[in-house]
């Protein structure tokens, strides 16, 4: 401690004191590194939590926007590719995908329901004039597997993808 002009100054060091002849190391823990799924066609990144750490995507071959870019991607997990029809690569051949992510203009209105995409698919975000919305109906209404032992896992996956869609960032 040092008193300077009536003000008490205290310096704190986080180094350990050691006795003569011994040594001590101070370790600093790094925050966990965030991993992402880069969607190169859209130039965005989807943050991945542990529940979806092995996520990958396949571009839908059935729909494009007015600029010729895909407007839907099928989401899959490598760890679930062998479960029933959960592989994202099966979605283009008519199988139910694990999940999907759609990209529309930020002011797009669904022609059938009349709802904006933000209302219809609230798990998403807007970046650069496009809305990226997560479609959870695949997991909720038409799961890729009817094996009930996967129900809890599918719900965790759904929650993780929904959260990730709200936090998409530009590359």
N, C-alpha and C. Protein backbone atom coordinates (compact mmCIF):
# COMPACT_ATOMS: atom_id res chain seq x y z
N UNK A 1 0.85 -1.18 0.00
CA UNK A 1 0.00 0.00 0.00
C UNK A 1 0.89 1.23 0.00
N UNK A 2 0.40 2.25 -0.61
CA UNK A 2 1.16 3.47 -0.72
C UNK A 2 0.20 4.64 -0.50
N UNK A 3 0.57 5.49 0.42
CA UNK A 3 -0.25 6.68 0.66
C UNK A 3 0.33 7.81 -0.15
N UNK A 4 -0.48 8.42 -0.99
CA UNK A 4 -0.03 9.51 -1.83
C UNK A 4 -0.98 10.67 -1.63
N UNK A 5 -0.45 11.77 -1.11
CA UNK A 5 -1.25 12.98 -0.95
C UNK A 5 -2.54 12.73 -0.20
N UNK A 6 -2.54 11.91 0.81
CA UNK A 6 -3.73 11.67 1.60
C UNK A 6 -4.66 10.62 1.00
N UNK A 7 -4.34 10.08 -0.19
CA UNK A 7 -5.15 9.05 -0.81
C UNK A 7 -4.45 7.72 -0.67
N UNK A 8 -5.17 6.76 -0.28
CA UNK A 8 -4.62 5.44 -0.10
C UNK A 8 -4.76 4.68 -1.40
N UNK A 9 -3.66 4.19 -1.93
CA UNK A 9 -3.66 3.43 -3.16
C UNK A 9 -3.26 2.01 -2.82
N UNK A 10 -4.06 1.06 -3.25
CA UNK A 10 -3.82 -0.34 -2.96
C UNK A 10 -3.64 -1.07 -4.28
N UNK A 11 -2.56 -1.79 -4.39
CA UNK A 11 -2.32 -2.57 -5.59
C UNK A 11 -2.51 -4.03 -5.25
N UNK A 12 -3.25 -4.69 -6.09
CA UNK A 12 -3.53 -6.10 -5.88
C UNK A 12 -2.86 -6.90 -6.99
N UNK A 13 -2.17 -7.92 -6.63
CA UNK A 13 -1.55 -8.79 -7.61
C UNK A 13 -2.16 -10.16 -7.46
N UNK A 14 -2.43 -10.82 -8.59
CA UNK A 14 -3.01 -12.15 -8.49
C UNK A 14 -1.95 -13.24 -8.61
N UNK A 15 -0.69 -12.85 -8.51
CA UNK A 15 0.37 -13.84 -8.50
C UNK A 15 0.48 -14.42 -7.10
N UNK A 16 0.75 -15.71 -7.07
CA UNK A 16 0.89 -16.37 -5.78
C UNK A 16 2.26 -16.05 -5.21
N UNK A 17 2.30 -15.88 -3.91
CA UNK A 17 3.60 -15.71 -3.27
C UNK A 17 4.14 -17.09 -2.96
N UNK A 18 5.42 -17.23 -3.11
CA UNK A 18 6.04 -18.52 -2.89
C UNK A 18 7.22 -18.37 -1.96
N UNK A 19 7.56 -19.43 -1.35
CA UNK A 19 8.73 -19.40 -0.48
C UNK A 19 9.97 -19.49 -1.35
N UNK A 20 11.09 -19.04 -0.85
CA UNK A 20 12.33 -19.07 -1.66
C UNK A 20 12.59 -20.47 -2.19
N UNK A 21 12.98 -20.54 -3.44
CA UNK A 21 13.32 -21.81 -4.05
C UNK A 21 12.15 -22.52 -4.70
N UNK A 22 10.92 -22.05 -4.50
CA UNK A 22 9.78 -22.70 -5.15
C UNK A 22 9.24 -21.79 -6.24
N UNK A 23 8.48 -22.35 -7.12
CA UNK A 23 7.93 -21.53 -8.21
C UNK A 23 6.42 -21.72 -8.26
N UNK A 24 5.76 -20.78 -8.88
CA UNK A 24 4.31 -20.83 -9.00
C UNK A 24 3.93 -20.30 -10.37
N UNK A 25 2.90 -20.90 -10.96
CA UNK A 25 2.42 -20.42 -12.24
C UNK A 25 0.99 -19.95 -12.07
N UNK A 26 0.66 -18.88 -12.75
CA UNK A 26 -0.70 -18.38 -12.77
C UNK A 26 -1.31 -18.83 -14.08
N UNK A 27 -2.43 -19.52 -14.03
CA UNK A 27 -3.08 -19.95 -15.25
C UNK A 27 -4.33 -19.11 -15.48
N UNK A 28 -4.54 -18.80 -16.72
CA UNK A 28 -5.72 -18.04 -17.10
C UNK A 28 -6.58 -18.93 -17.97
N UNK A 29 -7.84 -19.08 -17.61
CA UNK A 29 -8.73 -19.89 -18.42
C UNK A 29 -9.30 -19.05 -19.55
N UNK A 30 -9.23 -19.59 -20.75
CA UNK A 30 -9.79 -18.91 -21.91
C UNK A 30 -11.27 -19.22 -21.98
N UNK A 31 -12.07 -18.25 -22.42
CA UNK A 31 -13.50 -18.54 -22.61
C UNK A 31 -13.64 -19.57 -23.72
N UNK A 32 -14.70 -20.38 -23.68
CA UNK A 32 -14.87 -21.39 -24.74
C UNK A 32 -15.01 -20.71 -26.10
N UNK A 33 -14.45 -21.34 -27.10
CA UNK A 33 -14.52 -20.81 -28.46
C UNK A 33 -15.87 -21.16 -29.06
N UNK A 34 -16.52 -20.18 -29.64
CA UNK A 34 -17.82 -20.39 -30.28
C UNK A 34 -17.57 -21.03 -31.64
N UNK A 35 -18.27 -22.11 -31.93
CA UNK A 35 -18.17 -22.71 -33.25
C UNK A 35 -19.40 -22.32 -34.06
N UNK A 36 -19.24 -22.32 -35.38
CA UNK A 36 -20.29 -21.87 -36.29
C UNK A 36 -20.45 -22.85 -37.44
N UNK A 37 -21.63 -22.85 -38.00
CA UNK A 37 -21.89 -23.51 -39.26
C UNK A 37 -21.95 -22.40 -40.30
N UNK A 38 -20.96 -22.35 -41.18
CA UNK A 38 -20.92 -21.31 -42.22
C UNK A 38 -21.79 -21.74 -43.39
N UNK A 39 -22.72 -20.88 -43.74
CA UNK A 39 -23.60 -21.14 -44.88
C UNK A 39 -23.10 -20.26 -46.01
N UNK A 40 -22.22 -20.83 -46.83
CA UNK A 40 -21.50 -20.04 -47.83
C UNK A 40 -22.41 -19.40 -48.87
N UNK A 41 -23.50 -20.07 -49.23
CA UNK A 41 -24.42 -19.51 -50.23
C UNK A 41 -25.04 -18.20 -49.77
N UNK A 42 -25.22 -18.05 -48.48
CA UNK A 42 -25.86 -16.86 -47.92
C UNK A 42 -24.88 -15.92 -47.22
N UNK A 43 -23.65 -16.37 -47.06
CA UNK A 43 -22.61 -15.58 -46.38
C UNK A 43 -23.00 -15.21 -44.94
N UNK A 44 -23.54 -16.22 -44.23
CA UNK A 44 -23.89 -16.06 -42.82
C UNK A 44 -23.34 -17.25 -42.04
N UNK A 45 -23.33 -17.09 -40.73
CA UNK A 45 -22.86 -18.17 -39.85
C UNK A 45 -23.90 -18.42 -38.77
N UNK A 46 -24.16 -19.69 -38.53
CA UNK A 46 -25.11 -20.13 -37.52
C UNK A 46 -24.30 -20.59 -36.30
N UNK A 47 -24.46 -19.93 -35.13
CA UNK A 47 -23.70 -20.36 -33.95
C UNK A 47 -24.20 -21.72 -33.46
N UNK A 48 -23.27 -22.57 -33.10
CA UNK A 48 -23.63 -23.94 -32.69
C UNK A 48 -23.36 -24.16 -31.21
N UNK A 49 -24.36 -24.71 -30.53
CA UNK A 49 -24.19 -25.11 -29.13
C UNK A 49 -23.79 -26.58 -29.11
N UNK A 50 -23.55 -27.12 -27.94
CA UNK A 50 -23.15 -28.52 -27.83
C UNK A 50 -24.20 -29.47 -28.40
N UNK A 51 -25.49 -29.12 -28.27
CA UNK A 51 -26.55 -30.00 -28.76
C UNK A 51 -26.56 -30.16 -30.28
N UNK A 52 -25.97 -29.21 -30.99
CA UNK A 52 -25.95 -29.26 -32.46
C UNK A 52 -24.53 -29.02 -32.99
N UNK A 53 -23.54 -29.41 -32.22
CA UNK A 53 -22.15 -29.15 -32.57
C UNK A 53 -21.73 -29.82 -33.88
N UNK A 54 -22.37 -30.92 -34.25
CA UNK A 54 -22.01 -31.63 -35.48
C UNK A 54 -22.99 -31.33 -36.62
N UNK A 55 -23.58 -30.15 -36.59
CA UNK A 55 -24.56 -29.76 -37.61
C UNK A 55 -23.90 -29.56 -38.97
N UNK A 56 -24.68 -29.84 -39.98
CA UNK A 56 -24.28 -29.56 -41.36
C UNK A 56 -25.55 -29.21 -42.13
N UNK A 57 -25.39 -28.75 -43.34
CA UNK A 57 -26.56 -28.40 -44.13
C UNK A 57 -26.42 -28.91 -45.56
N UNK A 58 -27.56 -29.02 -46.20
CA UNK A 58 -27.64 -29.37 -47.61
C UNK A 58 -28.60 -28.37 -48.24
N UNK A 59 -28.22 -27.81 -49.37
CA UNK A 59 -29.06 -26.83 -50.06
C UNK A 59 -30.25 -27.55 -50.69
N UNK A 60 -31.42 -26.98 -50.52
CA UNK A 60 -32.63 -27.51 -51.15
C UNK A 60 -32.52 -27.33 -52.65
N UNK A 61 -32.86 -28.36 -53.38
CA UNK A 61 -32.81 -28.28 -54.84
C UNK A 61 -34.16 -27.88 -55.44
N UNK A 62 -35.16 -27.68 -54.58
CA UNK A 62 -36.51 -27.43 -55.11
C UNK A 62 -36.96 -25.98 -55.07
N UNK A 63 -36.18 -25.08 -54.46
CA UNK A 63 -36.66 -23.70 -54.39
C UNK A 63 -35.51 -22.71 -54.41
N UNK A 64 -35.75 -21.60 -55.10
CA UNK A 64 -34.77 -20.51 -55.21
C UNK A 64 -35.49 -19.18 -55.09
N UNK A 65 -34.72 -18.15 -54.73
CA UNK A 65 -35.31 -16.81 -54.70
C UNK A 65 -35.21 -16.18 -56.09
N UNK A 66 -35.64 -14.95 -56.23
CA UNK A 66 -35.65 -14.29 -57.54
C UNK A 66 -34.25 -14.04 -58.10
N UNK A 67 -33.22 -14.14 -57.24
CA UNK A 67 -31.85 -13.95 -57.69
C UNK A 67 -31.17 -15.28 -58.01
N UNK A 68 -31.93 -16.37 -57.96
CA UNK A 68 -31.36 -17.69 -58.25
C UNK A 68 -30.63 -18.33 -57.08
N UNK A 69 -30.68 -17.68 -55.93
CA UNK A 69 -30.06 -18.24 -54.73
C UNK A 69 -31.02 -19.19 -54.03
N UNK A 70 -30.49 -20.21 -53.36
CA UNK A 70 -31.40 -21.11 -52.63
C UNK A 70 -32.10 -20.34 -51.51
N UNK A 71 -33.37 -20.64 -51.29
CA UNK A 71 -34.06 -19.97 -50.20
C UNK A 71 -34.35 -20.92 -49.04
N UNK A 72 -33.91 -22.18 -49.17
CA UNK A 72 -34.08 -23.15 -48.09
C UNK A 72 -32.84 -24.02 -48.00
N UNK A 73 -32.44 -24.30 -46.77
CA UNK A 73 -31.41 -25.31 -46.54
C UNK A 73 -31.95 -26.31 -45.53
N UNK A 74 -31.55 -27.55 -45.71
CA UNK A 74 -31.93 -28.62 -44.79
C UNK A 74 -30.82 -28.76 -43.77
N UNK A 75 -31.20 -28.81 -42.51
CA UNK A 75 -30.22 -28.96 -41.43
C UNK A 75 -30.18 -30.41 -40.96
N UNK A 76 -29.00 -30.87 -40.69
CA UNK A 76 -28.83 -32.23 -40.20
C UNK A 76 -27.73 -32.29 -39.16
N UNK A 77 -27.65 -33.40 -38.48
CA UNK A 77 -26.57 -33.68 -37.53
C UNK A 77 -25.90 -34.97 -37.97
N UNK A 78 -24.59 -34.95 -38.06
CA UNK A 78 -23.87 -36.16 -38.47
C UNK A 78 -24.19 -37.32 -37.54
N UNK A 79 -24.37 -37.02 -36.26
CA UNK A 79 -24.64 -38.07 -35.28
C UNK A 79 -26.01 -38.72 -35.47
N UNK A 80 -26.92 -38.09 -36.22
CA UNK A 80 -28.25 -38.66 -36.45
C UNK A 80 -28.46 -39.15 -37.88
N UNK A 81 -27.43 -39.09 -38.70
CA UNK A 81 -27.59 -39.50 -40.10
C UNK A 81 -28.05 -40.94 -40.26
N UNK A 82 -27.72 -41.80 -39.33
CA UNK A 82 -28.12 -43.20 -39.43
C UNK A 82 -29.48 -43.50 -38.82
N UNK A 83 -30.14 -42.49 -38.26
CA UNK A 83 -31.42 -42.69 -37.59
C UNK A 83 -32.55 -42.43 -38.57
N UNK A 84 -33.30 -43.46 -38.88
CA UNK A 84 -34.46 -43.38 -39.76
C UNK A 84 -34.14 -42.51 -40.97
N UNK A 85 -34.80 -41.37 -41.13
CA UNK A 85 -34.59 -40.49 -42.29
C UNK A 85 -34.08 -39.12 -41.86
N UNK A 86 -33.28 -39.05 -40.81
CA UNK A 86 -32.86 -37.76 -40.26
C UNK A 86 -31.73 -37.08 -41.03
N UNK A 87 -31.14 -37.74 -42.00
CA UNK A 87 -30.03 -37.15 -42.75
C UNK A 87 -30.53 -35.99 -43.61
N UNK A 88 -29.83 -34.87 -43.54
CA UNK A 88 -30.21 -33.70 -44.35
C UNK A 88 -30.12 -34.04 -45.84
N UNK A 89 -29.20 -34.90 -46.20
CA UNK A 89 -29.03 -35.25 -47.61
C UNK A 89 -30.23 -36.01 -48.17
N UNK A 90 -31.07 -36.57 -47.31
CA UNK A 90 -32.26 -37.30 -47.76
C UNK A 90 -33.43 -36.37 -48.09
N UNK A 91 -33.37 -35.13 -47.61
CA UNK A 91 -34.51 -34.21 -47.78
C UNK A 91 -34.78 -33.89 -49.24
N UNK A 92 -33.74 -33.78 -50.07
CA UNK A 92 -33.95 -33.47 -51.48
C UNK A 92 -34.56 -34.64 -52.25
N UNK A 93 -34.57 -35.82 -51.65
CA UNK A 93 -35.19 -36.97 -52.32
C UNK A 93 -36.55 -37.30 -51.70
N UNK A 94 -37.12 -36.35 -50.97
CA UNK A 94 -38.48 -36.51 -50.46
C UNK A 94 -38.61 -36.97 -49.03
N UNK A 95 -37.51 -37.25 -48.34
CA UNK A 95 -37.59 -37.66 -46.94
C UNK A 95 -37.79 -36.43 -46.06
N UNK A 96 -38.37 -36.65 -44.88
CA UNK A 96 -38.57 -35.55 -43.93
C UNK A 96 -37.22 -35.16 -43.35
N UNK A 97 -36.83 -33.89 -43.44
CA UNK A 97 -35.54 -33.48 -42.89
C UNK A 97 -35.61 -33.33 -41.37
N UNK A 98 -34.47 -33.23 -40.76
CA UNK A 98 -34.41 -32.96 -39.33
C UNK A 98 -34.97 -31.56 -39.06
N UNK A 99 -34.51 -30.59 -39.82
CA UNK A 99 -34.95 -29.20 -39.65
C UNK A 99 -34.60 -28.42 -40.91
N UNK A 100 -35.07 -27.18 -40.99
CA UNK A 100 -34.72 -26.34 -42.14
C UNK A 100 -34.59 -24.89 -41.73
N UNK A 101 -33.90 -24.15 -42.58
CA UNK A 101 -33.72 -22.72 -42.41
C UNK A 101 -34.08 -22.09 -43.74
N UNK A 102 -34.90 -21.05 -43.70
CA UNK A 102 -35.32 -20.38 -44.94
C UNK A 102 -34.81 -18.95 -44.94
N UNK A 103 -34.55 -18.46 -46.15
CA UNK A 103 -34.14 -17.06 -46.32
C UNK A 103 -35.13 -16.41 -47.27
N UNK A 104 -35.73 -15.31 -46.80
CA UNK A 104 -36.67 -14.56 -47.62
C UNK A 104 -36.31 -13.08 -47.51
N UNK A 105 -36.90 -12.26 -48.38
CA UNK A 105 -36.72 -10.82 -48.20
C UNK A 105 -37.36 -10.45 -46.87
N UNK A 106 -36.84 -9.43 -46.24
CA UNK A 106 -37.31 -9.07 -44.89
C UNK A 106 -38.78 -8.67 -44.85
N UNK A 107 -39.36 -8.31 -45.99
CA UNK A 107 -40.78 -7.92 -46.00
C UNK A 107 -41.68 -8.97 -46.66
N UNK A 108 -41.19 -10.20 -46.79
CA UNK A 108 -41.94 -11.27 -47.45
C UNK A 108 -43.16 -11.67 -46.63
N UNK A 109 -44.28 -11.86 -47.32
CA UNK A 109 -45.52 -12.32 -46.70
C UNK A 109 -45.89 -13.66 -47.32
N UNK A 110 -46.21 -14.62 -46.49
CA UNK A 110 -46.61 -15.94 -46.97
C UNK A 110 -47.92 -15.79 -47.75
N UNK A 111 -47.96 -16.21 -49.01
CA UNK A 111 -49.16 -16.01 -49.82
C UNK A 111 -50.36 -16.84 -49.35
N UNK A 112 -50.12 -17.93 -48.65
CA UNK A 112 -51.22 -18.78 -48.19
C UNK A 112 -51.83 -18.24 -46.90
N UNK A 113 -50.98 -17.96 -45.91
CA UNK A 113 -51.49 -17.53 -44.60
C UNK A 113 -51.67 -16.02 -44.49
N UNK A 114 -50.95 -15.26 -45.34
CA UNK A 114 -51.00 -13.81 -45.25
C UNK A 114 -50.11 -13.25 -44.15
N UNK A 115 -49.41 -14.12 -43.44
CA UNK A 115 -48.52 -13.68 -42.36
C UNK A 115 -47.14 -13.34 -42.91
N UNK A 116 -46.47 -12.41 -42.25
CA UNK A 116 -45.08 -12.16 -42.61
C UNK A 116 -44.28 -13.37 -42.15
N UNK A 117 -43.13 -13.57 -42.78
CA UNK A 117 -42.30 -14.71 -42.40
C UNK A 117 -41.82 -14.58 -40.96
N UNK A 118 -41.60 -13.35 -40.49
CA UNK A 118 -41.20 -13.14 -39.10
C UNK A 118 -42.27 -13.60 -38.13
N UNK A 119 -43.54 -13.42 -38.50
CA UNK A 119 -44.64 -13.88 -37.65
C UNK A 119 -44.78 -15.40 -37.72
N UNK A 120 -44.69 -15.92 -38.90
CA UNK A 120 -44.88 -17.35 -39.10
C UNK A 120 -43.74 -18.17 -38.51
N UNK A 121 -42.52 -17.67 -38.64
CA UNK A 121 -41.33 -18.35 -38.13
C UNK A 121 -40.54 -17.37 -37.26
N UNK A 122 -40.95 -17.18 -36.02
CA UNK A 122 -40.35 -16.14 -35.17
C UNK A 122 -38.91 -16.44 -34.73
N UNK A 123 -38.46 -17.67 -34.91
CA UNK A 123 -37.09 -17.99 -34.54
C UNK A 123 -36.19 -17.67 -35.72
N UNK A 124 -35.68 -16.45 -35.74
CA UNK A 124 -34.83 -16.01 -36.83
C UNK A 124 -34.33 -14.61 -36.62
N UNK A 125 -33.67 -14.09 -37.64
CA UNK A 125 -33.13 -12.74 -37.56
C UNK A 125 -33.02 -12.15 -38.96
N UNK A 126 -32.92 -10.83 -39.02
CA UNK A 126 -32.78 -10.12 -40.28
C UNK A 126 -31.35 -9.61 -40.42
N UNK A 127 -30.77 -9.90 -41.57
CA UNK A 127 -29.42 -9.43 -41.89
C UNK A 127 -29.42 -8.99 -43.35
N UNK A 128 -29.00 -7.76 -43.59
CA UNK A 128 -28.85 -7.27 -44.96
C UNK A 128 -30.08 -7.39 -45.83
N UNK A 129 -31.25 -7.12 -45.28
CA UNK A 129 -32.48 -7.15 -46.07
C UNK A 129 -33.11 -8.53 -46.22
N UNK A 130 -32.50 -9.54 -45.62
CA UNK A 130 -33.06 -10.89 -45.67
C UNK A 130 -33.43 -11.35 -44.27
N UNK A 131 -34.53 -12.09 -44.20
CA UNK A 131 -34.93 -12.71 -42.95
C UNK A 131 -34.55 -14.19 -43.02
N UNK A 132 -33.84 -14.66 -42.00
CA UNK A 132 -33.42 -16.05 -41.89
C UNK A 132 -34.28 -16.67 -40.79
N UNK A 133 -35.19 -17.54 -41.16
CA UNK A 133 -36.13 -18.11 -40.21
C UNK A 133 -35.99 -19.61 -40.08
N UNK A 134 -36.04 -20.08 -38.86
CA UNK A 134 -35.94 -21.50 -38.56
C UNK A 134 -37.33 -22.13 -38.59
N UNK A 135 -37.46 -23.23 -39.30
CA UNK A 135 -38.73 -23.95 -39.38
C UNK A 135 -38.66 -25.16 -38.47
N UNK A 136 -39.32 -25.09 -37.34
CA UNK A 136 -39.29 -26.17 -36.37
C UNK A 136 -40.40 -27.19 -36.58
N UNK A 137 -41.25 -26.98 -37.57
CA UNK A 137 -42.38 -27.90 -37.76
C UNK A 137 -41.91 -29.31 -38.10
N UNK A 138 -40.74 -29.43 -38.68
CA UNK A 138 -40.25 -30.77 -39.02
C UNK A 138 -40.07 -31.59 -37.74
N UNK A 139 -39.45 -31.01 -36.74
CA UNK A 139 -39.21 -31.74 -35.49
C UNK A 139 -40.51 -31.88 -34.70
N UNK A 140 -41.29 -30.82 -34.64
CA UNK A 140 -42.51 -30.84 -33.82
C UNK A 140 -43.63 -31.69 -34.42
N UNK A 141 -43.91 -31.52 -35.70
CA UNK A 141 -45.07 -32.16 -36.31
C UNK A 141 -44.76 -33.40 -37.14
N UNK A 142 -43.60 -33.44 -37.76
CA UNK A 142 -43.23 -34.57 -38.60
C UNK A 142 -41.79 -34.96 -38.31
N UNK A 143 -41.52 -35.50 -37.14
CA UNK A 143 -40.13 -35.83 -36.83
C UNK A 143 -39.56 -36.86 -37.82
N UNK A 144 -38.27 -36.76 -38.05
CA UNK A 144 -37.62 -37.65 -39.01
C UNK A 144 -37.60 -39.10 -38.53
N UNK A 145 -37.87 -39.31 -37.27
CA UNK A 145 -37.95 -40.67 -36.74
C UNK A 145 -39.15 -40.78 -35.81
N UNK A 146 -39.80 -41.90 -35.83
CA UNK A 146 -40.92 -42.13 -34.92
C UNK A 146 -40.48 -42.89 -33.67
N UNK A 147 -39.19 -43.19 -33.60
CA UNK A 147 -38.63 -43.89 -32.44
C UNK A 147 -38.72 -42.94 -31.24
N UNK A 148 -39.56 -43.27 -30.27
CA UNK A 148 -39.80 -42.39 -29.12
C UNK A 148 -38.57 -42.20 -28.23
N UNK A 149 -37.57 -43.05 -28.36
CA UNK A 149 -36.37 -42.88 -27.54
C UNK A 149 -35.58 -41.63 -27.95
N UNK A 150 -35.91 -41.04 -29.09
CA UNK A 150 -35.23 -39.83 -29.56
C UNK A 150 -35.99 -38.55 -29.22
N UNK A 151 -37.17 -38.64 -28.63
CA UNK A 151 -38.01 -37.46 -28.36
C UNK A 151 -37.28 -36.37 -27.58
N UNK A 152 -36.65 -36.72 -26.48
CA UNK A 152 -35.95 -35.73 -25.67
C UNK A 152 -34.82 -35.09 -26.44
N UNK A 153 -34.06 -35.91 -27.16
CA UNK A 153 -32.95 -35.38 -27.96
C UNK A 153 -33.45 -34.45 -29.06
N UNK A 154 -34.54 -34.83 -29.73
CA UNK A 154 -35.08 -33.98 -30.79
C UNK A 154 -35.56 -32.64 -30.23
N UNK A 155 -36.12 -32.63 -29.04
CA UNK A 155 -36.55 -31.37 -28.44
C UNK A 155 -35.35 -30.48 -28.10
N UNK A 156 -34.27 -31.08 -27.61
CA UNK A 156 -33.04 -30.32 -27.33
C UNK A 156 -32.45 -29.75 -28.61
N UNK A 157 -32.48 -30.55 -29.66
CA UNK A 157 -31.98 -30.10 -30.96
C UNK A 157 -32.84 -28.94 -31.48
N UNK A 158 -34.14 -29.06 -31.36
CA UNK A 158 -35.06 -28.01 -31.80
C UNK A 158 -34.77 -26.70 -31.06
N UNK A 159 -34.62 -26.78 -29.75
CA UNK A 159 -34.33 -25.59 -28.94
C UNK A 159 -33.00 -24.97 -29.35
N UNK A 160 -32.00 -25.82 -29.59
CA UNK A 160 -30.67 -25.32 -29.97
C UNK A 160 -30.69 -24.65 -31.34
N UNK A 161 -31.36 -25.25 -32.31
CA UNK A 161 -31.45 -24.64 -33.65
C UNK A 161 -32.26 -23.35 -33.61
N UNK A 162 -33.33 -23.31 -32.83
CA UNK A 162 -34.15 -22.10 -32.71
C UNK A 162 -33.33 -20.95 -32.13
N UNK A 163 -32.56 -21.24 -31.11
CA UNK A 163 -31.69 -20.23 -30.50
C UNK A 163 -30.61 -19.78 -31.49
N UNK A 164 -30.04 -20.73 -32.19
CA UNK A 164 -28.99 -20.40 -33.17
C UNK A 164 -29.53 -19.50 -34.27
N UNK A 165 -30.75 -19.77 -34.73
CA UNK A 165 -31.35 -18.97 -35.82
C UNK A 165 -31.55 -17.51 -35.40
N UNK A 166 -31.82 -17.30 -34.11
CA UNK A 166 -31.99 -15.93 -33.61
C UNK A 166 -30.66 -15.19 -33.52
N UNK A 167 -29.56 -15.95 -33.59
CA UNK A 167 -28.23 -15.36 -33.42
C UNK A 167 -27.33 -15.52 -34.62
N UNK A 168 -27.91 -15.73 -35.79
CA UNK A 168 -27.12 -15.81 -37.02
C UNK A 168 -26.38 -14.50 -37.21
N UNK A 169 -25.16 -14.59 -37.70
CA UNK A 169 -24.38 -13.39 -37.98
C UNK A 169 -23.85 -13.42 -39.42
N UNK A 170 -23.53 -12.27 -39.94
CA UNK A 170 -22.93 -12.19 -41.28
C UNK A 170 -21.49 -12.66 -41.20
N UNK A 171 -21.02 -13.26 -42.30
CA UNK A 171 -19.61 -13.69 -42.34
C UNK A 171 -18.72 -12.51 -42.57
